[in-house]
Amino acid sequence: MEIRNRSTAEVTTLSQFKASYPNTSFPKQITADVLDSYGYDPLLQGPQATVTAPYEISVRDGVEQVNGQWFTKYVVGPSFTDTTDEDGNVTSAADNEAAYRARIDASAAENVRSTRNQRLAECDWTQLADQPFSAADQVEWAGYRQALRDLPDSAGFPHDVTWPDAPSA
């Protein structure tokens, strides 16, 4: 649990609060009345920001008072700004956002490809010469395997993938 010091506006944890009063024996459950006597307010969990996956996240952005109580405040993030490297080269906020989105896409694509490769490996045996299937079943398995290989070209890749169903044979 976090608490807020009324005089300094500093947010701290209960553990840090207790440590700042080493010679005080606090009750097991510290109530709002106890905190009030020391000039602190409980900090309640505010609502998370509404985000659109996969690029946005809810980011804590300080605290705010609502109807006399203090809450954590969240905004949609991440936010991007222009940056300057050690050589003085400036990268625009738009370029930083594009790089961030590219990293998210690459990670998601890597995860999908890894799962796809695992599913392909699990059914490699269906394409061996001595497999127990009929010609029709073998064609069905070959189609399934081709659908797995075609996933990176499908609409929605890599964030919205519809996995093909494995044949029941």
Foldseek 3Di string as FASTA:
>chain_A
DWKAAQVPRDIDRPVVVCVVVVPDDDDPDQDQVNQVVVRIADEAEDDFEDDDPDQKGWDWDAWDDDPNHIYTDTDIDDFFAWDADPVRDIDGRVNVSVVSVVVVQVVLLVVLLVVLVVVCVVCVVLQDPPDPDDPVLSVLQVVLNVVSVCQCVDPPPPPDTDHDDHDPD
